[in-house]
Structures are given as structure tokens and as C-alpha cells.
């Protein structure tokens, strides 16, 4: 080992390149492939089900936590892989055969085990690989192998093999692919088989969004129509109440748009990724035309591309709808805010007028308060002066009151002003 500090993920990242090996396929061979949609949290169920198959054939069960396994069961070899949302089971039997799609390898698998396979099967495919030593099948026989359906295919992998298929589900519930080896080694054949199976699997996974897009498209069209009506009324509405009513309708539309997006966004995103994988795998086939036969890639692209365009268009319409609702809501909120600001301005003006009136009233009351308090104080001084005169004081009560008037009024006025200043300062400090 070199004397350097190794990153903790170095080995993990290096092993990831070899995590799902192609393996080998020696022609002639029969292959049955199943892809089942699983729950992303059902890894334990998949693992337990695989362990039961190993137990049935006295094979070593898989280690806990693995996501791929290649195991020889004697009559066949199994290649098992668990992906994010689907699990694949590929059963391989390498032996001579006369009838490619009769007595398939899936018949060697316990049927009770297949009946309780976790998840829901989305893809089921038979692949038959003719060796180069076998007699070449005439075209009528090949067409008959596909129940006389329209067959597509051509040379693949730089004329190393020929591929035929009809992309149909036959009476046994499986689609069919026939490959004739021309000059490939067993590893190259394994890569071709895996690429073919991935095309069929990813194509089906990509198409999952198509029915969802058609269903969502009707709801989106309805929401678009409603938004257009609301926007058309923006220049006609009068009054805050009507604006608030339209804003409520827009809020409901926004909630509906979010619900549609939540139900479709993951599926649409996954479909985009699967479509890219399909196109990459088709490119990897390196197809060459056989005269009079449509290439499998052309057939898929002709039918898959419009469906993918529909999904893409639906996703774009969802985004546009959300943006339109957002802009309309912002415009309505602005109108409501402007109207409320006008009402608040009028309210403040009214409050200002009332404050000025109250100030004048307060000044009037203040003056009256000074007069009243002065009157009562002077009355008390008069009584005191009269009492003092009775005890022999020389000053007349009338003179005493007359002299006291300016002092009493000044004192009362100063006291009232001081109290008002104290109250005003307290209110200002509290605010």
C-alpha cells in the first residue's frame, strides 16, 4: 500500500463501477425477464422473497442489504437487481432448443413463488438467443414465432448479431425477442441481452406517465380556463369585496394546481430520466437496417416520442399555469392593498379631524376647569376670611377675595398645565 491518506469513500466509489456486472451469456440460451414495480420501502420484502427461492433450490441465501445478486440454481441462473422503484428478475438457461418460446425458462421457476412476487409486474419478456452454429431461420418461420405480427429489428452491435421483436404481449403474458448470434463472445452477448432488456424495461417505465398526463391535462385545461376568466374580469371589477372574492377563487385554483403538480411531478421527472436511458440504450445497439424490416429503434421512437412530448407539454403547462395564477394573485393583492391603503388614508384623515376637535374641546374644558376650580377656591378663601373677621381680623373678606383672585387663577392654571404635560409625557414614553 502506498503511504498516503485515503479518502473514506474511495473503495466504495471504485466498486460502484462494478456493482451490476453484465455477466456472460453463451448461445444458445433462453432468458425470461420480469420487472416489478416495488415500494421504495419494501427492500426487506424483496430480500426475503429472494431468500425463499434460494431455500427452494438449496442455494446460499443473499447477504443482507445487497441490491444485486447472480446465483446459479442448477436448472437456470438468476440475475436479481433492486432499483429505486422496481426490481428485476432475469432467469437464464443456456442449452440447445428447437422452439424459442416454448418450454421457457420461467416454467422452471416455482409457480407458487411467482404468484406472490412482491410488487406489481410491469415488464415480462422472453429472449431467445440462437447460436451461430444453428441453422438460420427463414423469415416466414421468424414471423410465425411472433404469431404473424409485424416484426421489427435489424443487425445490431456492428453486425455481430440480428435482433427481432414485435413489441407485443403474447398469450403467455410475455413479450418476445429473438437474437441470432453472428460472431459475438459470451460477454458481448450478455451486454446485448442486458441492453435489450433495459430498453424494454425503461420504455415501459417511461410510459407510466402517459396516462397520468392525459388525466392531468383535462384538469389543467379547466384551471387555465378559470384563470383566463378571472384575469378578464380584473379590468371590470369594482370594490374590495369583489376583489377579495376573486382572490379567494385564485387561492383555490393555486391549491388545485399544487395538488396536480404534487401528484405528477415525481412521475414526470422519472419519465424524463427513463426516456434518456432508452435513447442511450438504443444508440448502444448500433442498429443497421435489413431490407424490408423496420429498425426497432425507429419503431420505439415513432411511438414513444409523441407520448414523451405529451408528458413534457403537460409538465410545461403545469408550470405556466402556476406562474399565471401567481401573477394574477399578485395583481389582485396589489389592487386590494391599494384599496385598503385608500381606506386607511381616509380613516387617518377622519381620525386627524376628530383629534383636532378633541384638542379644541380639551382646551375649552381646560379653561372651564380653571374657572370652576378658581371659583371654588375663592369661595373657600371667602369663608375663611369671614371667619377670621369674626375673630377680630382687620381685613374685610371682600378685599381678601379680590386680592386673591389673580393668584388663585394663576395657580390653578399652572397646576392644570403641569398635569397635562405629565400625562402627555407618560403617553409618549409608553409609545
Protein backbone atom coordinates (compact mmCIF):
# COMPACT_ATOMS: atom_id res chain seq x y z
CA UNK A 1 0.00 0.00 0.00
CA UNK A 2 1.21 3.49 -0.85
CA UNK A 3 1.92 5.74 2.09
CA UNK A 4 -0.90 8.27 1.60
CA UNK A 5 -4.10 9.16 3.37
CA UNK A 6 -7.01 7.52 1.51
CA UNK A 7 -10.47 9.05 1.21
CA UNK A 8 -13.06 7.07 3.17
CA UNK A 9 -15.27 6.64 0.07
CA UNK A 10 -12.54 5.69 -2.40
CA UNK A 11 -13.14 1.93 -2.32
CA UNK A 12 -16.93 2.35 -2.32
CA UNK A 13 -16.83 4.60 -5.37
CA UNK A 14 -14.44 2.29 -7.22
CA UNK A 15 -16.61 -0.76 -6.50
CA UNK A 16 -19.71 1.08 -7.74
CA UNK A 17 -18.38 0.79 -11.29
CA UNK A 18 -18.61 -2.99 -10.96
CA UNK A 19 -21.81 -3.10 -8.89
CA UNK A 20 -24.03 -4.55 -11.64
CA UNK A 21 -21.84 -6.73 -13.91
CA UNK A 22 -23.20 -7.88 -17.28
CA UNK A 23 -22.07 -11.43 -16.66
CA UNK A 24 -21.90 -13.87 -19.56
CA UNK A 25 -24.46 -15.49 -21.88
CA UNK A 26 -23.41 -18.44 -24.03
CA UNK A 27 -25.64 -19.07 -27.04
CA UNK A 28 -27.92 -20.92 -27.46
CA UNK A 29 -29.83 -19.61 -24.45
CA UNK A 30 -33.32 -18.85 -23.23
CA UNK A 31 -33.93 -15.92 -20.93
CA UNK A 32 -37.05 -14.83 -19.04
CA UNK A 33 -37.06 -11.36 -17.53
CA UNK A 34 -39.53 -9.81 -15.06
CA UNK A 35 -39.55 -6.25 -13.76
CA UNK A 36 -41.90 -5.50 -10.85
CA UNK A 37 -42.76 -2.06 -9.52
CA UNK A 38 -41.96 -2.08 -5.81
CA UNK A 39 -42.48 0.15 -2.85
CA UNK A 40 -39.30 2.09 -2.17
CA UNK A 41 -39.52 0.84 1.43
CA UNK A 42 -40.04 -2.84 0.50
CA UNK A 43 -36.36 -3.86 0.34
CA UNK A 44 -36.81 -6.33 3.18
CA UNK A 45 -39.77 -8.00 1.43
CA UNK A 46 -37.79 -8.35 -1.82
CA UNK A 47 -34.81 -9.76 0.04
CA UNK A 48 -36.96 -12.25 1.98
CA UNK A 49 -38.70 -13.40 -1.21
CA UNK A 50 -35.36 -13.96 -2.93
CA UNK A 51 -34.15 -15.92 0.10
CA UNK A 52 -37.19 -18.24 -0.19
CA UNK A 53 -36.24 -19.04 -3.79
CA UNK A 54 -32.69 -19.82 -2.69
CA UNK A 55 -34.07 -22.08 0.02
CA UNK A 56 -36.24 -23.93 -2.51
CA UNK A 57 -33.13 -24.82 -4.57
CA UNK A 58 -30.79 -25.34 -1.58
CA UNK A 59 -28.72 -22.34 -2.66
CA UNK A 60 -26.86 -19.88 -0.46
CA UNK A 61 -29.22 -17.04 0.53
CA UNK A 62 -28.13 -13.50 -0.34
CA UNK A 63 -26.34 -11.36 2.26
CA UNK A 64 -28.48 -8.77 3.98
CA UNK A 65 -28.67 -5.37 2.33
CA UNK A 66 -27.48 -6.40 -1.16
CA UNK A 67 -29.10 -4.76 -4.18
CA UNK A 68 -27.92 -7.22 -6.84
CA UNK A 69 -27.17 -10.93 -6.98
CA UNK A 70 -26.15 -13.55 -9.54
CA UNK A 71 -26.85 -17.10 -8.38
CA UNK A 72 -26.72 -20.49 -10.07
CA UNK A 73 -29.74 -22.62 -9.19
CA UNK A 74 -28.83 -25.62 -11.35
CA UNK A 75 -31.61 -25.68 -14.00
CA UNK A 76 -31.13 -21.93 -14.51
CA UNK A 77 -29.10 -18.93 -13.41
CA UNK A 78 -30.74 -15.92 -11.76
CA UNK A 79 -29.64 -12.33 -12.02
CA UNK A 80 -31.51 -10.19 -9.49
CA UNK A 81 -31.33 -6.40 -9.17
CA UNK A 82 -33.21 -3.98 -6.94
CA UNK A 83 -33.53 -0.40 -8.20
CA UNK A 84 -35.18 2.66 -6.67
CA UNK A 85 -38.73 1.87 -7.74
CA UNK A 86 -38.52 -1.52 -9.42
CA UNK A 87 -36.93 -4.94 -9.02
CA UNK A 88 -35.80 -7.18 -11.87
CA UNK A 89 -35.52 -10.97 -12.03
CA UNK A 90 -33.65 -12.39 -15.04
CA UNK A 91 -33.68 -16.19 -15.39
CA UNK A 92 -31.09 -17.62 -17.82
CA UNK A 93 -30.90 -21.17 -19.21
CA UNK A 94 -28.03 -21.99 -21.55
CA UNK A 95 -28.98 -25.08 -23.54
CA UNK A 96 -29.90 -26.04 -27.12
CA UNK A 97 -33.54 -25.60 -28.12
CA UNK A 98 -35.74 -26.05 -31.16
CA UNK A 99 -38.66 -23.82 -30.26
CA UNK A 100 -37.52 -20.48 -28.83
CA UNK A 101 -40.69 -19.50 -27.00
CA UNK A 102 -41.94 -22.92 -25.90
CA UNK A 103 -40.85 -24.55 -22.63
CA UNK A 104 -39.38 -21.25 -21.50
CA UNK A 105 -37.09 -20.96 -18.50
CA UNK A 106 -39.80 -19.26 -16.43
CA UNK A 107 -41.55 -22.64 -16.35
CA UNK A 108 -38.68 -23.97 -14.21
CA UNK A 109 -39.35 -21.39 -11.52
CA UNK A 110 -41.77 -22.45 -8.73
CA UNK A 111 -45.16 -21.06 -9.72
CA UNK A 112 -46.28 -20.54 -6.12
CA UNK A 113 -43.17 -18.37 -5.63
CA UNK A 114 -44.02 -16.33 -8.74
CA UNK A 115 -47.62 -15.92 -7.62
CA UNK A 116 -46.59 -13.95 -4.51
CA UNK A 117 -43.85 -11.89 -6.15
CA UNK A 118 -43.60 -8.56 -4.26
CA UNK A 119 -44.87 -5.56 -6.20
CA UNK A 120 -46.75 -5.39 -9.49
CA UNK A 121 -45.23 -6.81 -12.66
CA UNK A 122 -44.79 -4.14 -15.33
CA UNK A 123 -42.45 -5.99 -17.73
CA UNK A 124 -42.33 -9.69 -18.59
CA UNK A 125 -40.12 -10.68 -21.53
CA UNK A 126 -38.72 -13.82 -23.15
CA UNK A 127 -35.42 -13.59 -25.01
CA UNK A 128 -34.20 -16.50 -27.15
CA UNK A 129 -30.60 -16.47 -28.39
CA UNK A 130 -29.77 -18.63 -31.43
CA UNK A 131 -26.13 -19.61 -31.75
CA UNK A 132 -24.22 -19.04 -34.96
CA UNK A 133 -23.95 -22.82 -35.36
CA UNK A 134 -27.72 -23.26 -35.55
CA UNK A 135 -29.47 -23.33 -38.90
CA UNK A 136 -30.59 -19.85 -39.85
CA UNK A 137 -34.36 -19.49 -39.58
CA UNK A 138 -36.23 -18.35 -42.69
CA UNK A 139 -38.26 -15.14 -42.50
CA UNK A 140 -41.69 -16.90 -42.52
CA UNK A 141 -40.63 -19.01 -39.54
CA UNK A 142 -39.42 -15.94 -37.66
CA UNK A 143 -42.69 -14.14 -38.31
CA UNK A 144 -44.56 -17.24 -37.13
CA UNK A 145 -42.61 -17.18 -33.87
CA UNK A 146 -44.23 -13.80 -33.23
CA UNK A 147 -47.76 -15.05 -34.05
CA UNK A 148 -47.54 -13.45 -37.51
CA UNK A 149 -47.41 -9.93 -36.10
CA UNK A 150 -45.41 -7.15 -37.72
CA UNK A 151 -41.78 -7.79 -36.83
CA UNK A 152 -39.13 -5.10 -36.38
CA UNK A 153 -35.38 -5.44 -35.99
CA UNK A 154 -32.09 -5.50 -37.81
CA UNK A 155 -28.37 -6.01 -37.41
CA UNK A 156 -27.00 -4.83 -34.05
CA UNK A 157 -23.59 -4.23 -32.46
CA UNK A 158 -21.76 -3.72 -35.75
CA UNK A 159 -23.42 -6.76 -37.38
CA UNK A 160 -22.39 -9.01 -34.52
CA UNK A 161 -25.99 -10.22 -34.15
CA UNK A 162 -29.50 -9.86 -35.52
CA UNK A 163 -32.43 -8.80 -33.32
CA UNK A 164 -36.14 -9.40 -33.99
CA UNK A 165 -39.20 -8.42 -31.94
CA UNK A 166 -42.83 -7.34 -32.33
CA UNK A 167 -43.12 -5.38 -29.04
CA UNK A 168 -46.39 -7.18 -28.22
CA UNK A 169 -47.57 -9.06 -25.14
CA UNK A 170 -48.42 -12.60 -26.19
CA UNK A 171 -50.86 -15.12 -24.79
CA UNK A 172 -48.50 -16.24 -22.01
CA UNK A 173 -48.24 -12.65 -20.75
CA UNK A 174 -44.68 -12.16 -22.03
CA UNK A 175 -43.26 -10.10 -24.89
CA UNK A 176 -40.66 -11.74 -27.15
CA UNK A 177 -37.18 -11.00 -28.51
CA UNK A 178 -35.19 -13.29 -30.80
CA UNK A 179 -31.45 -12.77 -31.20
CA UNK A 180 -29.20 -14.62 -33.62
CA UNK A 181 -25.53 -14.66 -32.79
CA UNK A 182 -23.31 -13.98 -35.79
CA UNK A 183 -19.93 -13.51 -34.20
CA UNK A 184 -20.03 -12.30 -30.58
CA UNK A 185 -18.28 -13.62 -27.50
CA UNK A 186 -20.28 -14.50 -24.40
CA UNK A 187 -19.58 -11.20 -22.64
CA UNK A 188 -20.63 -9.11 -25.63
CA UNK A 189 -23.77 -11.23 -25.91
CA UNK A 190 -24.52 -10.63 -22.22
CA UNK A 191 -24.21 -6.88 -22.78
CA UNK A 192 -26.55 -7.09 -25.79
CA UNK A 193 -29.14 -9.08 -23.83
CA UNK A 194 -28.97 -6.69 -20.89
CA UNK A 195 -29.25 -3.67 -23.20
CA UNK A 196 -32.28 -5.23 -24.90
CA UNK A 197 -33.98 -5.95 -21.58
CA UNK A 198 -33.21 -2.46 -20.28
CA UNK A 199 -34.77 -0.92 -23.40
CA UNK A 200 -37.98 -2.88 -22.79
CA UNK A 201 -37.97 -2.10 -19.05
CA UNK A 202 -37.16 1.60 -19.27
CA UNK A 203 -39.57 2.07 -22.17
CA UNK A 204 -42.42 0.71 -20.04
CA UNK A 205 -41.37 2.77 -17.03
CA UNK A 206 -41.23 5.91 -19.17
CA UNK A 207 -44.75 5.25 -20.44
CA UNK A 208 -46.16 5.17 -16.89
CA UNK A 209 -46.52 8.95 -17.02
CA UNK A 210 -48.54 8.99 -20.24
CA UNK A 211 -51.97 8.04 -18.76
CA UNK A 212 -51.25 10.37 -15.84
CA UNK A 213 -50.50 13.22 -18.26
CA UNK A 214 -53.73 12.66 -20.20
CA UNK A 215 -55.73 12.71 -16.97
CA UNK A 216 -53.96 15.82 -15.67
CA UNK A 217 -54.30 17.62 -18.99
CA UNK A 218 -58.10 17.86 -18.66
CA UNK A 219 -57.80 19.32 -15.15
CA UNK A 220 -55.13 21.76 -16.29
CA UNK A 221 -57.30 22.91 -19.20
CA UNK A 222 -60.20 23.54 -16.80
CA UNK A 223 -57.94 25.52 -14.46
CA UNK A 224 -56.49 27.51 -17.37
CA UNK A 225 -59.99 28.47 -18.49
CA UNK A 226 -60.89 29.61 -14.97
CA UNK A 227 -57.73 31.70 -14.67
CA UNK A 228 -58.44 33.34 -18.04
CA UNK A 229 -61.94 34.29 -16.87
CA UNK A 230 -60.59 35.80 -13.67
CA UNK A 231 -57.88 37.76 -15.49
CA UNK A 232 -60.51 39.02 -17.95
CA UNK A 233 -62.54 40.44 -15.07
CA UNK A 234 -59.66 42.31 -13.47
CA UNK A 235 -60.34 45.46 -15.51
CA UNK A 236 -64.07 45.35 -14.74
CA UNK A 237 -64.31 44.66 -11.03
CA UNK A 238 -65.19 47.41 -8.58
CA UNK A 239 -64.94 47.35 -4.86
CA UNK A 240 -62.76 45.49 -2.39
CA UNK A 241 -65.37 42.79 -1.74
CA UNK A 242 -65.36 41.65 -5.37
CA UNK A 243 -61.57 41.71 -5.45
CA UNK A 244 -61.43 39.57 -2.32
CA UNK A 245 -63.91 37.11 -3.86
CA UNK A 246 -61.72 36.73 -6.96
CA UNK A 247 -58.65 36.39 -4.77
CA UNK A 248 -60.37 33.53 -2.93
CA UNK A 249 -61.08 31.79 -6.25
CA UNK A 250 -57.46 32.21 -7.28
CA UNK A 251 -56.33 30.71 -3.97
CA UNK A 252 -58.45 27.63 -4.64
CA UNK A 253 -57.01 27.35 -8.14
CA UNK A 254 -53.48 27.64 -6.74
CA UNK A 255 -54.23 24.81 -4.31
CA UNK A 256 -55.59 22.67 -7.16
CA UNK A 257 -52.53 23.39 -9.31
CA UNK A 258 -50.26 22.38 -6.43
CA UNK A 259 -52.24 19.18 -5.91
CA UNK A 260 -51.88 18.24 -9.60
CA UNK A 261 -48.18 19.07 -9.51
CA UNK A 262 -47.62 17.01 -6.36
CA UNK A 263 -49.36 14.02 -7.99
CA UNK A 264 -47.38 14.20 -11.22
CA UNK A 265 -44.02 15.93 -10.68
CA UNK A 266 -42.14 12.83 -9.48
CA UNK A 267 -43.56 10.64 -12.24
CA UNK A 268 -42.84 13.24 -14.93
CA UNK A 269 -39.27 13.71 -13.69
CA UNK A 270 -38.70 9.94 -13.61
CA UNK A 271 -40.16 9.60 -17.11
CA UNK A 272 -37.69 12.14 -18.46
CA UNK A 273 -34.81 10.16 -16.93
CA UNK A 274 -36.11 6.81 -18.27
CA UNK A 275 -36.61 8.26 -21.75
CA UNK A 276 -32.99 9.39 -21.81
CA UNK A 277 -31.91 5.88 -20.77
CA UNK A 278 -34.00 4.33 -23.55
CA UNK A 279 -32.39 6.59 -26.14
CA UNK A 280 -28.91 5.81 -24.77
CA UNK A 281 -29.54 2.05 -24.89
CA UNK A 282 -30.96 2.26 -28.42
CA UNK A 283 -27.89 4.18 -29.51
CA UNK A 284 -25.75 1.46 -27.93
CA UNK A 285 -27.42 -1.21 -30.10
CA UNK A 286 -25.80 0.35 -33.20
CA UNK A 287 -28.60 -0.91 -35.43
CA UNK A 288 -28.21 -1.49 -39.17
CA UNK A 289 -31.14 -1.98 -41.47
CA UNK A 290 -32.23 -5.27 -43.03
CA UNK A 291 -34.02 -4.58 -46.29
CA UNK A 292 -37.78 -4.63 -45.79
CA UNK A 293 -37.57 -4.56 -41.96
CA UNK A 294 -38.16 -1.54 -39.73
CA UNK A 295 -35.49 -0.95 -37.11
CA UNK A 296 -36.56 -1.49 -33.51
CA UNK A 297 -35.22 1.94 -32.58
CA UNK A 298 -37.30 3.61 -35.27
CA UNK A 299 -40.41 1.75 -34.10
CA UNK A 300 -39.89 2.78 -30.48
CA UNK A 301 -39.05 6.38 -31.30
CA UNK A 302 -42.05 6.74 -33.59
CA UNK A 303 -44.44 5.71 -30.81
CA UNK A 304 -42.56 6.72 -27.66
CA UNK A 305 -41.58 10.23 -28.75
CA UNK A 306 -45.18 11.55 -29.08
CA UNK A 307 -46.04 10.16 -25.64
CA UNK A 308 -42.97 11.79 -24.14
CA UNK A 309 -43.86 15.06 -25.87
CA UNK A 310 -47.31 14.85 -24.29
CA UNK A 311 -45.78 14.37 -20.85
CA UNK A 312 -43.34 17.23 -21.43
CA UNK A 313 -46.13 19.50 -22.67
CA UNK A 314 -48.25 18.67 -19.63
CA UNK A 315 -45.36 19.47 -17.28
CA UNK A 316 -44.75 22.78 -19.06
CA UNK A 317 -48.45 23.67 -18.90
CA UNK A 318 -48.44 22.95 -15.18
CA UNK A 319 -45.53 25.33 -14.72
CA UNK A 320 -47.15 28.02 -16.88
CA UNK A 321 -50.47 27.61 -15.03
CA UNK A 322 -48.77 28.05 -11.65
CA UNK A 323 -46.99 31.17 -12.91
CA UNK A 324 -50.22 32.66 -14.31
CA UNK A 325 -52.06 32.04 -11.06
CA UNK A 326 -49.18 33.58 -9.12
CA UNK A 327 -49.11 36.70 -11.33
CA UNK A 328 -52.90 37.12 -11.20
CA UNK A 329 -52.83 36.70 -7.42
CA UNK A 330 -50.09 39.30 -7.08
CA UNK A 331 -52.05 41.73 -9.25
CA UNK A 332 -55.23 41.23 -7.24
CA UNK A 333 -53.37 41.55 -3.95
CA UNK A 334 -51.87 44.80 -5.21
CA UNK A 335 -55.33 46.11 -6.08
CA UNK A 336 -56.67 45.07 -2.69
CA UNK A 337 -53.66 46.62 -0.92
CA UNK A 338 -54.09 49.91 -2.83
CA UNK A 339 -57.80 49.97 -1.96
CA UNK A 340 -57.04 49.25 1.69
CA UNK A 341 -54.39 51.96 1.72
CA UNK A 342 -57.01 54.41 0.41
CA UNK A 343 -59.42 53.35 3.13
CA UNK A 344 -56.67 53.65 5.73
CA UNK A 345 -55.79 57.13 4.41
CA UNK A 346 -59.42 58.25 4.71
CA UNK A 347 -59.62 56.71 8.17
CA UNK A 348 -56.48 58.55 9.27
CA UNK A 349 -57.87 61.81 7.93
CA UNK A 350 -61.07 61.25 9.88
CA UNK A 351 -59.08 60.41 12.99
CA UNK A 352 -56.99 63.54 12.48
CA UNK A 353 -60.13 65.68 12.26
CA UNK A 354 -61.52 64.06 15.39
CA UNK A 355 -58.22 64.64 17.17
CA UNK A 356 -58.27 68.33 16.30
CA UNK A 357 -61.86 68.65 17.53
CA UNK A 358 -60.93 66.81 20.72
CA UNK A 359 -57.97 69.15 21.17
CA UNK A 360 -60.20 72.18 20.88
CA UNK A 361 -62.71 70.63 23.26
CA UNK A 362 -59.90 69.80 25.60
CA UNK A 363 -58.68 73.41 25.55
CA UNK A 364 -62.24 74.62 26.21
CA UNK A 365 -62.70 72.16 29.05
CA UNK A 366 -59.31 73.17 30.39
CA UNK A 367 -60.42 76.83 30.55
CA UNK A 368 -63.71 75.90 32.16
CA UNK A 369 -61.84 73.73 34.63
CA UNK A 370 -59.61 76.66 35.63
CA UNK A 371 -62.65 78.92 36.12
CA UNK A 372 -64.57 76.31 38.12
CA UNK A 373 -61.67 75.36 40.35
CA UNK A 374 -60.75 79.00 40.88
CA UNK A 375 -64.37 79.79 41.80
CA UNK A 376 -64.47 77.06 44.42
CA UNK A 377 -61.07 78.02 45.84
CA UNK A 378 -62.07 81.70 46.07
CA UNK A 379 -65.29 80.65 47.81
CA UNK A 380 -63.25 78.75 50.37
CA UNK A 381 -60.97 81.79 50.86
CA UNK A 382 -64.09 83.98 51.37
CA UNK A 383 -65.40 81.67 54.06
CA UNK A 384 -62.01 81.65 55.76
CA UNK A 385 -61.81 85.48 55.62
CA UNK A 386 -65.30 85.87 57.08
CA UNK A 387 -64.39 83.52 59.89
CA UNK A 388 -61.23 85.46 60.57
CA UNK A 389 -63.22 88.73 60.67
CA UNK A 390 -65.43 87.20 63.33
CA UNK A 391 -62.32 86.58 65.41
CA UNK A 392 -61.36 90.25 65.12
CA UNK A 393 -59.27 90.37 61.91
CA UNK A 394 -58.97 93.87 60.45
CA UNK A 395 -59.26 92.90 56.75
CA UNK A 396 -62.65 92.83 55.07
CA UNK A 397 -63.47 89.43 53.39
CA UNK A 398 -64.32 91.16 50.09
CA UNK A 399 -60.89 92.77 49.92
CA UNK A 400 -59.17 89.45 50.73
CA UNK A 401 -61.06 87.66 47.92
CA UNK A 402 -60.36 90.45 45.44
CA UNK A 403 -56.63 90.35 46.18
CA UNK A 404 -56.55 86.51 45.98
CA UNK A 405 -58.28 86.23 42.57
CA UNK A 406 -55.19 86.63 40.30
CA UNK A 407 -53.04 84.40 42.49
CA UNK A 408 -55.65 81.62 42.67
CA UNK A 409 -56.39 81.70 38.93
CA UNK A 410 -52.66 81.65 38.09
CA UNK A 411 -52.01 78.78 40.49
CA UNK A 412 -54.91 76.70 39.12
CA UNK A 413 -53.92 77.37 35.51
CA UNK A 414 -50.30 76.39 36.22
CA UNK A 415 -51.39 73.21 38.01
CA UNK A 416 -53.69 72.12 35.16
CA UNK A 417 -50.92 72.72 32.58
CA UNK A 418 -48.45 70.73 34.62
CA UNK A 419 -50.82 67.78 34.97
CA UNK A 420 -51.47 67.80 31.19
CA UNK A 421 -47.73 67.85 30.41
CA UNK A 422 -47.16 64.94 32.78
CA UNK A 423 -49.88 62.86 31.10
CA UNK A 424 -48.58 63.71 27.62
CA UNK A 425 -45.01 62.73 28.55
CA UNK A 426 -46.18 59.42 30.03
CA UNK A 427 -48.10 58.53 26.84
CA UNK A 428 -45.12 59.47 24.66
CA UNK A 429 -42.77 57.30 26.74
CA UNK A 430 -45.14 54.33 26.50
CA UNK A 431 -45.32 54.58 22.68
